[in-house]
């Protein structure tokens, strides 16, 4: 095991020991637009313009193929830290960019773009939510250059650190810099009965109930699609327009933040 892989395991062990103190805000996060930018990619979405494609892979694949290098991480940081029993710990993130060259082989393995796309498809098929994120903490944990990396995470509802940070308001800076994808809208249909299942499920606290209908605050919504997945009446729809344009916009956004090949 290399030094960085050993260091990673020590940090993970310390994190588990310190976790009980997190709710007391003993150790606070100070995230900002400099250290964090993330976009959630919904898995329960309907394409409303353009040809029919398989989402969200149609959005992720151009990013994967456009990266100069790509690695599959050997495990998910969040699921390892939380001891996940719902999804495999081995369905790790994809690391994109030249930072892959400095990655400890004990943490991840460089692969072809085809292999990375298959990994993404497997993760999505297992029910995980993709997240495109450029975060300095990940770079520090893995010992890679923050200026030359981008992550595609595959998140579960039970263990995802991003979802927990947003839900529990552990870092306003992180919450403010986690965005809904451009071209994604979340719509409440007329069949809504106001049962409230979506209100409880929304990590961003973007949904309220008015009478017998749910209301979504577009300014707060992150567009993850969790509400649509859980609605017993199928009364919430996540709509995506022009997935190819969304991919191009993501490449433009992150191409300005980090050097990963696009």
Foldseek 3Di string as FASTA:
>chain_A
DDPLLVLLVVVLVVCLVCVVCLVVPPDADAAAPLFKAKAWFAQFADEPDDDDDHPPLLQCLVVLQQFPWKKQFQFASQCVSVVDPQDDRRLWKMKFFPLVVVFDVSTIDTDDSVVVSVSVVVLVVSPWIWMKMQGVVVCVSRVTDSQTIIITGTHDPPGDPLLCCQQVVRYPNSQQNQAYQPQKDKDFAPQQQQPCPLCVQQSQNQWDGDHRTIDGNRVRDSLHCRSCVPDPRNRMHMYGYDSVVSSVVVCVVVVVSHHGRD
